[in-house]
Amino acid sequence: MNSVLFVSGSAKSLDAFKELLLKAAFSDIVTVPTAGEAKRIFIEKDFDLCVINAPLKDEFGTELAITISEKLICQVILLVKADLYEEISGKAEDYGVITISKPISRDLLWNAIKLAGASIKRMNLIKDENRKLLQKIEDIKIVDRAKCLLISYLSLTEPEAHRYIEKQAMDMRTSRRAVAEEILKTYDNY
């Protein structure tokens, strides 16, 4: 957990939030006053957390929070006035946005930041697991293509092609994917 984007039209709330965010181990803190600037900065950079202090100058902030939650892997905390809390939280929480009513105590904000931090860690674990699974799927596809070529060009059965790739990987002390890629290089040109 490292980077945070703080979106607020109010400059006076910035110092208090910055202090808490630094205390929560966020070292890279970027601040912008409008939703438009926040959207532009998200094009250039990824953030772990986005704190939106509504209302903003160019929109309320709910739309920005939902957009960020839908399209990016970023935890969002939306701060709204108490009289709008029920209405806004009903919409935003469906998208995983943590909604907090203002005025907010320092302890409550600290707890929300810690909750967001735990959520970020969980999302990163899921993202890493997803990346590993996609890599395994890609490996399986390449090995299967290599098996098809062995079946086609060497008239092996599927179990024989599988065994051939396994044995080559063990003998060469390499992965099945590396063996499969060599087979693809050899037979794909025919």
N, C-alpha and C. Protein backbone atom coordinates (compact mmCIF):
# COMPACT_ATOMS: atom_id res chain seq x y z
N MET A 1 0.85 -1.16 0.00
CA MET A 1 0.00 0.00 0.00
C MET A 1 0.90 1.23 0.00
N ASN A 2 0.73 2.04 -1.02
CA ASN A 2 1.71 3.11 -1.17
C ASN A 2 1.12 4.43 -1.64
N SER A 3 0.29 4.40 -2.66
CA SER A 3 -0.12 5.66 -3.29
C SER A 3 -1.59 5.96 -3.08
N VAL A 4 -1.87 7.25 -2.93
CA VAL A 4 -3.25 7.68 -2.72
C VAL A 4 -3.50 8.97 -3.51
N LEU A 5 -4.70 9.03 -4.07
CA LEU A 5 -5.17 10.26 -4.72
C LEU A 5 -6.25 10.85 -3.83
N PHE A 6 -6.05 12.09 -3.43
CA PHE A 6 -7.02 12.79 -2.59
C PHE A 6 -7.69 13.85 -3.45
N VAL A 7 -9.01 13.73 -3.62
CA VAL A 7 -9.76 14.64 -4.47
C VAL A 7 -10.66 15.48 -3.55
N SER A 8 -10.39 16.78 -3.51
CA SER A 8 -11.17 17.65 -2.64
C SER A 8 -11.11 19.08 -3.15
N GLY A 9 -12.27 19.72 -3.16
CA GLY A 9 -12.34 21.13 -3.51
C GLY A 9 -11.98 22.02 -2.34
N SER A 10 -11.92 21.43 -1.15
CA SER A 10 -11.63 22.18 0.07
C SER A 10 -10.16 22.03 0.45
N ALA A 11 -9.43 23.12 0.45
CA ALA A 11 -8.00 23.08 0.78
C ALA A 11 -7.77 22.88 2.27
N LYS A 12 -8.71 23.31 3.13
CA LYS A 12 -8.48 23.23 4.57
C LYS A 12 -8.51 21.79 5.09
N SER A 13 -9.24 20.90 4.43
CA SER A 13 -9.28 19.50 4.88
C SER A 13 -8.03 18.73 4.47
N LEU A 14 -7.30 19.28 3.54
CA LEU A 14 -6.13 18.60 2.99
C LEU A 14 -5.07 18.26 4.03
N ASP A 15 -4.72 19.20 4.88
CA ASP A 15 -3.65 18.96 5.86
C ASP A 15 -3.99 17.83 6.83
N ALA A 16 -5.22 17.83 7.34
CA ALA A 16 -5.63 16.78 8.28
C ALA A 16 -5.60 15.41 7.61
N PHE A 17 -6.09 15.32 6.38
CA PHE A 17 -6.09 14.05 5.67
C PHE A 17 -4.67 13.60 5.35
N LYS A 18 -3.84 14.52 4.93
CA LYS A 18 -2.46 14.20 4.58
C LYS A 18 -1.73 13.59 5.77
N GLU A 19 -1.92 14.16 6.94
CA GLU A 19 -1.27 13.66 8.15
C GLU A 19 -1.70 12.22 8.44
N LEU A 20 -2.99 11.94 8.35
CA LEU A 20 -3.48 10.58 8.59
C LEU A 20 -3.00 9.60 7.53
N LEU A 21 -2.98 10.04 6.28
CA LEU A 21 -2.53 9.16 5.20
C LEU A 21 -1.06 8.81 5.34
N LEU A 22 -0.25 9.78 5.73
CA LEU A 22 1.17 9.51 5.96
C LEU A 22 1.35 8.54 7.13
N LYS A 23 0.55 8.71 8.16
CA LYS A 23 0.59 7.82 9.32
C LYS A 23 0.19 6.39 8.93
N ALA A 24 -0.68 6.26 7.94
CA ALA A 24 -1.14 4.94 7.48
C ALA A 24 -0.22 4.34 6.44
N ALA A 25 0.98 4.88 6.28
CA ALA A 25 2.02 4.34 5.40
C ALA A 25 1.81 4.65 3.92
N PHE A 26 1.05 5.66 3.61
CA PHE A 26 0.94 6.12 2.23
C PHE A 26 2.03 7.17 2.03
N SER A 27 3.00 6.88 1.20
CA SER A 27 4.10 7.81 1.00
C SER A 27 3.90 8.69 -0.23
N ASP A 28 3.15 8.21 -1.20
CA ASP A 28 2.92 8.94 -2.44
C ASP A 28 1.49 9.49 -2.42
N ILE A 29 1.35 10.77 -2.04
CA ILE A 29 0.04 11.39 -1.92
C ILE A 29 -0.09 12.49 -2.97
N VAL A 30 -1.09 12.33 -3.85
CA VAL A 30 -1.35 13.31 -4.90
C VAL A 30 -2.72 13.93 -4.61
N THR A 31 -2.81 15.23 -4.73
CA THR A 31 -4.08 15.91 -4.48
C THR A 31 -4.53 16.67 -5.72
N VAL A 32 -5.83 16.62 -5.98
CA VAL A 32 -6.43 17.39 -7.07
C VAL A 32 -7.77 17.94 -6.59
N PRO A 33 -8.21 19.09 -7.15
CA PRO A 33 -9.45 19.71 -6.67
C PRO A 33 -10.72 19.30 -7.43
N THR A 34 -10.59 18.64 -8.58
CA THR A 34 -11.78 18.34 -9.39
C THR A 34 -11.79 16.89 -9.87
N ALA A 35 -12.98 16.43 -10.24
CA ALA A 35 -13.15 15.08 -10.79
C ALA A 35 -12.45 14.95 -12.14
N GLY A 36 -12.52 16.00 -12.93
CA GLY A 36 -11.86 15.98 -14.25
C GLY A 36 -10.37 15.75 -14.14
N GLU A 37 -9.74 16.47 -13.20
CA GLU A 37 -8.30 16.28 -13.00
C GLU A 37 -8.01 14.88 -12.46
N ALA A 38 -8.87 14.37 -11.61
CA ALA A 38 -8.69 13.02 -11.08
C ALA A 38 -8.73 11.99 -12.20
N LYS A 39 -9.69 12.13 -13.11
CA LYS A 39 -9.79 11.20 -14.24
C LYS A 39 -8.56 11.28 -15.13
N ARG A 40 -8.05 12.49 -15.35
CA ARG A 40 -6.85 12.64 -16.18
C ARG A 40 -5.64 11.99 -15.52
N ILE A 41 -5.50 12.16 -14.23
CA ILE A 41 -4.33 11.62 -13.55
C ILE A 41 -4.37 10.09 -13.48
N PHE A 42 -5.59 9.53 -13.44
CA PHE A 42 -5.72 8.07 -13.43
C PHE A 42 -5.29 7.46 -14.77
N ILE A 43 -5.31 8.24 -15.83
CA ILE A 43 -4.83 7.76 -17.13
C ILE A 43 -3.32 7.55 -17.08
N GLU A 44 -2.63 8.42 -16.36
CA GLU A 44 -1.17 8.38 -16.29
C GLU A 44 -0.63 7.47 -15.19
N LYS A 45 -1.38 7.27 -14.13
CA LYS A 45 -0.83 6.62 -12.95
C LYS A 45 -1.89 5.78 -12.24
N ASP A 46 -1.45 4.68 -11.62
CA ASP A 46 -2.34 3.85 -10.79
C ASP A 46 -2.19 4.25 -9.34
N PHE A 47 -3.27 4.14 -8.59
CA PHE A 47 -3.26 4.44 -7.16
C PHE A 47 -3.84 3.26 -6.40
N ASP A 48 -3.41 3.10 -5.15
CA ASP A 48 -3.97 2.07 -4.28
C ASP A 48 -5.29 2.53 -3.66
N LEU A 49 -5.37 3.82 -3.35
CA LEU A 49 -6.53 4.37 -2.66
C LEU A 49 -6.89 5.73 -3.27
N CYS A 50 -8.19 5.99 -3.34
CA CYS A 50 -8.67 7.31 -3.75
C CYS A 50 -9.67 7.78 -2.69
N VAL A 51 -9.40 8.93 -2.11
CA VAL A 51 -10.31 9.54 -1.13
C VAL A 51 -10.95 10.74 -1.80
N ILE A 52 -12.28 10.74 -1.84
CA ILE A 52 -13.03 11.82 -2.48
C ILE A 52 -13.83 12.55 -1.42
N ASN A 53 -13.55 13.83 -1.26
CA ASN A 53 -14.25 14.68 -0.30
C ASN A 53 -15.32 15.46 -1.06
N ALA A 54 -16.55 14.92 -1.08
CA ALA A 54 -17.65 15.52 -1.83
C ALA A 54 -18.27 16.67 -1.05
N PRO A 55 -18.84 17.65 -1.74
CA PRO A 55 -18.97 17.78 -3.18
C PRO A 55 -17.71 18.39 -3.80
N LEU A 56 -17.50 18.07 -5.07
CA LEU A 56 -16.38 18.63 -5.81
C LEU A 56 -16.87 19.82 -6.62
N LYS A 57 -15.94 20.54 -7.24
CA LYS A 57 -16.30 21.74 -7.99
C LYS A 57 -17.02 21.43 -9.29
N ASP A 58 -16.65 20.33 -9.94
CA ASP A 58 -17.23 20.04 -11.26
C ASP A 58 -18.29 18.93 -11.25
N GLU A 59 -18.43 18.20 -10.16
CA GLU A 59 -19.49 17.20 -9.99
C GLU A 59 -19.57 16.87 -8.51
N PHE A 60 -20.57 16.10 -8.13
CA PHE A 60 -20.71 15.81 -6.71
C PHE A 60 -19.59 14.92 -6.19
N GLY A 61 -19.26 13.87 -6.94
CA GLY A 61 -18.20 12.95 -6.53
C GLY A 61 -18.62 11.50 -6.57
N THR A 62 -19.92 11.26 -6.52
CA THR A 62 -20.42 9.88 -6.56
C THR A 62 -20.08 9.22 -7.89
N GLU A 63 -20.29 9.94 -8.98
CA GLU A 63 -20.00 9.40 -10.31
C GLU A 63 -18.52 9.05 -10.44
N LEU A 64 -17.67 9.91 -9.94
CA LEU A 64 -16.22 9.66 -9.97
C LEU A 64 -15.88 8.41 -9.17
N ALA A 65 -16.45 8.29 -7.98
CA ALA A 65 -16.19 7.13 -7.12
C ALA A 65 -16.61 5.83 -7.80
N ILE A 66 -17.78 5.84 -8.41
CA ILE A 66 -18.28 4.64 -9.08
C ILE A 66 -17.43 4.31 -10.30
N THR A 67 -17.06 5.32 -11.08
CA THR A 67 -16.21 5.09 -12.26
C THR A 67 -14.88 4.47 -11.87
N ILE A 68 -14.26 5.00 -10.84
CA ILE A 68 -12.98 4.47 -10.38
C ILE A 68 -13.13 3.03 -9.90
N SER A 69 -14.17 2.77 -9.13
CA SER A 69 -14.39 1.42 -8.61
C SER A 69 -14.67 0.41 -9.71
N GLU A 70 -15.40 0.82 -10.73
CA GLU A 70 -15.75 -0.09 -11.83
C GLU A 70 -14.57 -0.40 -12.73
N LYS A 71 -13.79 0.61 -13.06
CA LYS A 71 -12.79 0.46 -14.11
C LYS A 71 -11.37 0.21 -13.62
N LEU A 72 -11.11 0.48 -12.35
CA LEU A 72 -9.74 0.39 -11.86
C LEU A 72 -9.67 -0.48 -10.62
N ILE A 73 -8.49 -1.00 -10.37
CA ILE A 73 -8.27 -1.73 -9.13
C ILE A 73 -7.74 -0.74 -8.11
N CYS A 74 -8.67 -0.09 -7.45
CA CYS A 74 -8.35 0.97 -6.51
C CYS A 74 -9.47 1.04 -5.49
N GLN A 75 -9.14 1.07 -4.22
CA GLN A 75 -10.17 1.22 -3.19
C GLN A 75 -10.55 2.70 -3.10
N VAL A 76 -11.84 2.97 -2.93
CA VAL A 76 -12.34 4.34 -2.91
C VAL A 76 -13.07 4.61 -1.59
N ILE A 77 -12.72 5.75 -0.98
CA ILE A 77 -13.45 6.25 0.19
C ILE A 77 -14.13 7.54 -0.24
N LEU A 78 -15.45 7.61 -0.06
CA LEU A 78 -16.23 8.79 -0.43
C LEU A 78 -16.77 9.44 0.84
N LEU A 79 -16.42 10.70 1.05
CA LEU A 79 -16.88 11.46 2.21
C LEU A 79 -18.02 12.37 1.78
N VAL A 80 -19.20 12.21 2.41
CA VAL A 80 -20.38 12.99 2.04
C VAL A 80 -21.03 13.61 3.27
N LYS A 81 -21.80 14.67 3.06
CA LYS A 81 -22.51 15.31 4.17
C LYS A 81 -23.54 14.35 4.75
N ALA A 82 -23.77 14.49 6.06
CA ALA A 82 -24.64 13.57 6.79
C ALA A 82 -26.05 13.48 6.20
N ASP A 83 -26.61 14.59 5.74
CA ASP A 83 -27.98 14.58 5.23
C ASP A 83 -28.10 13.84 3.89
N LEU A 84 -26.99 13.62 3.20
CA LEU A 84 -27.01 12.90 1.92
C LEU A 84 -26.47 11.47 2.05
N TYR A 85 -26.01 11.13 3.23
CA TYR A 85 -25.30 9.85 3.42
C TYR A 85 -26.12 8.64 2.98
N GLU A 86 -27.36 8.51 3.44
CA GLU A 86 -28.16 7.31 3.13
C GLU A 86 -28.37 7.15 1.62
N GLU A 87 -28.71 8.23 0.97
CA GLU A 87 -28.97 8.18 -0.48
C GLU A 87 -27.69 7.81 -1.25
N ILE A 88 -26.59 8.47 -0.94
CA ILE A 88 -25.33 8.26 -1.66
C ILE A 88 -24.74 6.89 -1.35
N SER A 89 -24.75 6.51 -0.09
CA SER A 89 -24.14 5.22 0.28
C SER A 89 -24.90 4.06 -0.35
N GLY A 90 -26.21 4.20 -0.51
CA GLY A 90 -27.00 3.15 -1.17
C GLY A 90 -26.55 2.90 -2.59
N LYS A 91 -26.19 3.96 -3.29
CA LYS A 91 -25.71 3.83 -4.67
C LYS A 91 -24.26 3.37 -4.72
N ALA A 92 -23.41 4.05 -3.96
CA ALA A 92 -21.96 3.84 -4.08
C ALA A 92 -21.49 2.51 -3.51
N GLU A 93 -22.09 2.05 -2.43
CA GLU A 93 -21.61 0.82 -1.79
C GLU A 93 -21.84 -0.40 -2.66
N ASP A 94 -22.79 -0.34 -3.60
CA ASP A 94 -22.99 -1.45 -4.55
C ASP A 94 -21.75 -1.65 -5.42
N TYR A 95 -20.92 -0.64 -5.52
CA TYR A 95 -19.71 -0.71 -6.33
C TYR A 95 -18.44 -0.90 -5.48
N GLY A 96 -18.62 -1.14 -4.19
CA GLY A 96 -17.47 -1.36 -3.32
C GLY A 96 -16.85 -0.10 -2.76
N VAL A 97 -17.54 1.01 -2.88
CA VAL A 97 -17.05 2.29 -2.38
C VAL A 97 -17.37 2.38 -0.88
N ILE A 98 -16.37 2.71 -0.08
CA ILE A 98 -16.58 2.94 1.35
C ILE A 98 -17.11 4.37 1.50
N THR A 99 -18.32 4.51 2.00
CA THR A 99 -18.95 5.82 2.13
C THR A 99 -18.98 6.21 3.61
N ILE A 100 -18.55 7.44 3.91
CA ILE A 100 -18.49 7.93 5.28
C ILE A 100 -19.20 9.27 5.36
N SER A 101 -19.96 9.44 6.43
CA SER A 101 -20.73 10.65 6.67
C SER A 101 -19.86 11.73 7.32
N LYS A 102 -20.01 12.98 6.84
CA LYS A 102 -19.31 14.12 7.45
C LYS A 102 -20.28 14.86 8.36
N PRO A 103 -19.86 15.50 9.39
CA PRO A 103 -18.47 15.64 9.83
C PRO A 103 -17.94 14.30 10.35
N ILE A 104 -16.65 14.13 10.19
CA ILE A 104 -16.03 12.85 10.50
C ILE A 104 -14.98 13.04 11.59
N SER A 105 -14.97 12.10 12.52
CA SER A 105 -13.95 12.17 13.57
C SER A 105 -12.64 11.59 13.05
N ARG A 106 -11.58 11.99 13.66
CA ARG A 106 -10.25 11.51 13.28
C ARG A 106 -10.15 9.98 13.42
N ASP A 107 -10.73 9.45 14.50
CA ASP A 107 -10.69 8.00 14.74
C ASP A 107 -11.46 7.24 13.67
N LEU A 108 -12.62 7.74 13.30
CA LEU A 108 -13.42 7.07 12.28
C LEU A 108 -12.69 7.10 10.93
N LEU A 109 -12.10 8.22 10.60
CA LEU A 109 -11.34 8.30 9.34
C LEU A 109 -10.15 7.35 9.37
N TRP A 110 -9.47 7.29 10.51
CA TRP A 110 -8.34 6.36 10.65
C TRP A 110 -8.80 4.92 10.44
N ASN A 111 -9.93 4.56 11.05
CA ASN A 111 -10.46 3.19 10.87
C ASN A 111 -10.84 2.92 9.42
N ALA A 112 -11.41 3.90 8.75
CA ALA A 112 -11.77 3.74 7.33
C ALA A 112 -10.52 3.54 6.47
N ILE A 113 -9.47 4.29 6.76
CA ILE A 113 -8.22 4.15 6.01
C ILE A 113 -7.61 2.77 6.25
N LYS A 114 -7.65 2.30 7.50
CA LYS A 114 -7.12 0.97 7.81
C LYS A 114 -7.96 -0.11 7.12
N LEU A 115 -9.28 0.05 7.10
CA LEU A 115 -10.16 -0.89 6.41
C LEU A 115 -9.85 -0.89 4.91
N ALA A 116 -9.66 0.28 4.35
CA ALA A 116 -9.32 0.37 2.93
C ALA A 116 -7.98 -0.31 2.67
N GLY A 117 -7.03 -0.13 3.58
CA GLY A 117 -5.72 -0.77 3.43
C GLY A 117 -5.83 -2.29 3.41
N ALA A 118 -6.64 -2.83 4.29
CA ALA A 118 -6.86 -4.29 4.30
C ALA A 118 -7.51 -4.74 3.01
N SER A 119 -8.46 -3.95 2.52
CA SER A 119 -9.13 -4.27 1.26
C SER A 119 -8.16 -4.23 0.08
N ILE A 120 -7.26 -3.26 0.09
CA ILE A 120 -6.25 -3.14 -0.97
C ILE A 120 -5.34 -4.36 -0.98
N LYS A 121 -4.90 -4.77 0.18
CA LYS A 121 -4.04 -5.96 0.27
C LYS A 121 -4.76 -7.18 -0.27
N ARG A 122 -6.02 -7.33 0.08
CA ARG A 122 -6.82 -8.46 -0.40
C ARG A 122 -6.97 -8.41 -1.92
N MET A 123 -7.26 -7.22 -2.47
CA MET A 123 -7.40 -7.08 -3.92
C MET A 123 -6.09 -7.42 -4.63
N ASN A 124 -4.97 -7.01 -4.05
CA ASN A 124 -3.67 -7.31 -4.67
C ASN A 124 -3.38 -8.80 -4.66
N LEU A 125 -3.76 -9.50 -3.59
CA LEU A 125 -3.59 -10.95 -3.55
C LEU A 125 -4.43 -11.62 -4.64
N ILE A 126 -5.66 -11.16 -4.79
CA ILE A 126 -6.54 -11.72 -5.82
C ILE A 126 -5.99 -11.42 -7.22
N LYS A 127 -5.48 -10.21 -7.40
CA LYS A 127 -4.90 -9.83 -8.69
C LYS A 127 -3.69 -10.71 -9.03
N ASP A 128 -2.83 -10.97 -8.04
CA ASP A 128 -1.67 -11.84 -8.27
C ASP A 128 -2.10 -13.26 -8.59
N GLU A 129 -3.10 -13.76 -7.87
CA GLU A 129 -3.61 -15.11 -8.13
C GLU A 129 -4.22 -15.19 -9.53
N ASN A 130 -4.93 -14.16 -9.94
CA ASN A 130 -5.50 -14.11 -11.28
C ASN A 130 -4.41 -14.14 -12.35
N ARG A 131 -3.34 -13.38 -12.12
CA ARG A 131 -2.22 -13.35 -13.06
C ARG A 131 -1.59 -14.74 -13.19
N LYS A 132 -1.42 -15.43 -12.07
CA LYS A 132 -0.85 -16.78 -12.08
C LYS A 132 -1.76 -17.75 -12.84
N LEU A 133 -3.06 -17.66 -12.60
CA LEU A 133 -3.99 -18.55 -13.29
C LEU A 133 -4.00 -18.29 -14.80
N LEU A 134 -3.95 -17.03 -15.19
CA LEU A 134 -3.89 -16.72 -16.62
C LEU A 134 -2.61 -17.26 -17.26
N GLN A 135 -1.51 -17.21 -16.52
CA GLN A 135 -0.25 -17.76 -17.01
C GLN A 135 -0.35 -19.28 -17.17
N LYS A 136 -0.99 -19.95 -16.22
CA LYS A 136 -1.17 -21.40 -16.32
C LYS A 136 -2.03 -21.76 -17.53
N ILE A 137 -3.09 -20.99 -17.75
CA ILE A 137 -3.95 -21.24 -18.91
C ILE A 137 -3.16 -21.09 -20.20
N GLU A 138 -2.35 -20.05 -20.27
CA GLU A 138 -1.52 -19.83 -21.46
C GLU A 138 -0.54 -20.99 -21.65
N ASP A 139 0.08 -21.46 -20.56
CA ASP A 139 1.00 -22.60 -20.62
C ASP A 139 0.29 -23.85 -21.16
N ILE A 140 -0.91 -24.09 -20.65
CA ILE A 140 -1.68 -25.26 -21.09
C ILE A 140 -2.01 -25.17 -22.58
N LYS A 141 -2.38 -23.99 -23.04
CA LYS A 141 -2.69 -23.80 -24.46
C LYS A 141 -1.47 -24.12 -25.34
N ILE A 142 -0.31 -23.63 -24.94
CA ILE A 142 0.91 -23.85 -25.72
C ILE A 142 1.28 -25.33 -25.72
N VAL A 143 1.20 -25.98 -24.56
CA VAL A 143 1.51 -27.41 -24.48
C VAL A 143 0.52 -28.21 -25.32
N ASP A 144 -0.75 -27.85 -25.28
CA ASP A 144 -1.75 -28.56 -26.09
C ASP A 144 -1.51 -28.37 -27.59
N ARG A 145 -1.11 -27.17 -27.99
CA ARG A 145 -0.78 -26.95 -29.41
C ARG A 145 0.41 -27.81 -29.82
N ALA A 146 1.40 -27.91 -28.94
CA ALA A 146 2.58 -28.74 -29.23
C ALA A 146 2.18 -30.22 -29.32
N LYS A 147 1.30 -30.67 -28.45
CA LYS A 147 0.83 -32.05 -28.51
C LYS A 147 0.14 -32.32 -29.85
N CYS A 148 -0.68 -31.39 -30.29
CA CYS A 148 -1.38 -31.54 -31.57
C CYS A 148 -0.39 -31.68 -32.72
N LEU A 149 0.68 -30.88 -32.68
CA LEU A 149 1.70 -30.99 -33.73
C LEU A 149 2.41 -32.34 -33.68
N LEU A 150 2.72 -32.83 -32.48
CA LEU A 150 3.36 -34.14 -32.34
C LEU A 150 2.43 -35.24 -32.85
N ILE A 151 1.16 -35.14 -32.56
CA ILE A 151 0.19 -36.11 -33.03
C ILE A 151 0.10 -36.06 -34.55
N SER A 152 0.10 -34.88 -35.09
CA SER A 152 -0.05 -34.69 -36.53
C SER A 152 1.20 -35.12 -37.31
N TYR A 153 2.39 -34.66 -36.86
CA TYR A 153 3.61 -34.89 -37.63
C TYR A 153 4.33 -36.19 -37.28
N LEU A 154 4.22 -36.65 -36.04
CA LEU A 154 4.93 -37.87 -35.64
C LEU A 154 4.00 -39.05 -35.42
N SER A 155 2.72 -38.85 -35.67
CA SER A 155 1.70 -39.89 -35.51
C SER A 155 1.69 -40.49 -34.11
N LEU A 156 1.90 -39.65 -33.11
CA LEU A 156 1.83 -40.11 -31.72
C LEU A 156 0.38 -40.04 -31.25
N THR A 157 0.06 -40.82 -30.24
CA THR A 157 -1.25 -40.67 -29.60
C THR A 157 -1.15 -39.51 -28.61
N GLU A 158 -2.29 -39.07 -28.10
CA GLU A 158 -2.27 -37.96 -27.14
C GLU A 158 -1.46 -38.32 -25.89
N PRO A 159 -1.65 -39.52 -25.31
CA PRO A 159 -0.83 -39.87 -24.13
C PRO A 159 0.67 -39.95 -24.46
N GLU A 160 1.01 -40.41 -25.66
CA GLU A 160 2.41 -40.47 -26.06
C GLU A 160 3.00 -39.06 -26.23
N ALA A 161 2.24 -38.18 -26.81
CA ALA A 161 2.69 -36.80 -26.98
C ALA A 161 2.86 -36.12 -25.62
N HIS A 162 1.93 -36.39 -24.73
CA HIS A 162 2.02 -35.85 -23.37
C HIS A 162 3.27 -36.38 -22.68
N ARG A 163 3.49 -37.66 -22.77
CA ARG A 163 4.65 -38.29 -22.13
C ARG A 163 5.95 -37.75 -22.74
N TYR A 164 5.97 -37.56 -24.06
CA TYR A 164 7.15 -37.04 -24.72
C TYR A 164 7.53 -35.66 -24.16
N ILE A 165 6.54 -34.78 -24.06
CA ILE A 165 6.79 -33.43 -23.54
C ILE A 165 7.25 -33.49 -22.08
N GLU A 166 6.57 -34.32 -21.28
CA GLU A 166 6.95 -34.47 -19.87
C GLU A 166 8.40 -34.96 -19.74
N LYS A 167 8.74 -35.99 -20.52
CA LYS A 167 10.08 -36.59 -20.44
C LYS A 167 11.15 -35.59 -20.89
N GLN A 168 10.88 -34.88 -21.97
CA GLN A 168 11.82 -33.87 -22.45
C GLN A 168 12.05 -32.78 -21.39
N ALA A 169 10.98 -32.37 -20.74
CA ALA A 169 11.08 -31.34 -19.69
C ALA A 169 11.93 -31.84 -18.53
N MET A 170 11.72 -33.11 -18.13
CA MET A 170 12.52 -33.67 -17.03
C MET A 170 13.98 -33.83 -17.44
N ASP A 171 14.20 -34.39 -18.62
CA ASP A 171 15.57 -34.63 -19.08
C ASP A 171 16.35 -33.32 -19.26
N MET A 172 15.69 -32.31 -19.76
CA MET A 172 16.36 -31.04 -20.02
C MET A 172 16.30 -30.10 -18.81
N ARG A 173 15.62 -30.54 -17.76
CA ARG A 173 15.44 -29.72 -16.55
C ARG A 173 14.90 -28.33 -16.88
N THR A 174 13.81 -28.36 -17.59
CA THR A 174 13.14 -27.14 -17.99
C THR A 174 11.63 -27.33 -17.84
N SER A 175 10.87 -26.32 -18.17
CA SER A 175 9.41 -26.42 -18.04
C SER A 175 8.80 -27.10 -19.26
N ARG A 176 7.59 -27.60 -19.05
CA ARG A 176 6.86 -28.19 -20.18
C ARG A 176 6.59 -27.12 -21.24
N ARG A 177 6.37 -25.90 -20.80
CA ARG A 177 6.11 -24.82 -21.75
C ARG A 177 7.33 -24.58 -22.64
N ALA A 178 8.53 -24.58 -22.06
CA ALA A 178 9.74 -24.37 -22.86
C ALA A 178 9.90 -25.46 -23.91
N VAL A 179 9.64 -26.70 -23.52
CA VAL A 179 9.71 -27.82 -24.47
C VAL A 179 8.65 -27.63 -25.56
N ALA A 180 7.45 -27.27 -25.15
CA ALA A 180 6.36 -27.05 -26.11
C ALA A 180 6.69 -25.94 -27.09
N GLU A 181 7.31 -24.87 -26.60
CA GLU A 181 7.68 -23.77 -27.49
C GLU A 181 8.70 -24.21 -28.53
N GLU A 182 9.65 -25.06 -28.13
CA GLU A 182 10.63 -25.60 -29.09
C GLU A 182 9.95 -26.47 -30.13
N ILE A 183 8.98 -27.25 -29.69
CA ILE A 183 8.22 -28.09 -30.64
C ILE A 183 7.46 -27.20 -31.62
N LEU A 184 6.88 -26.15 -31.13
CA LEU A 184 6.14 -25.22 -32.01
C LEU A 184 7.08 -24.58 -33.03
N LYS A 185 8.27 -24.19 -32.57
CA LYS A 185 9.25 -23.61 -33.50
C LYS A 185 9.62 -24.61 -34.59
N THR A 186 9.80 -25.86 -34.18
CA THR A 186 10.24 -26.90 -35.12
C THR A 186 9.16 -27.24 -36.14
N TYR A 187 7.96 -27.49 -35.67
CA TYR A 187 6.91 -28.04 -36.55
C TYR A 187 5.95 -26.99 -37.13
N ASP A 188 5.91 -25.80 -36.58
CA ASP A 188 5.01 -24.80 -37.12
C ASP A 188 5.43 -24.32 -38.51
N ASN A 189 6.71 -24.53 -38.87
CA ASN A 189 7.20 -24.09 -40.18
C ASN A 189 6.86 -25.05 -41.29
N TYR A 190 6.45 -26.25 -40.95
CA TYR A 190 6.16 -27.25 -41.98
C TYR A 190 4.87 -26.99 -42.68
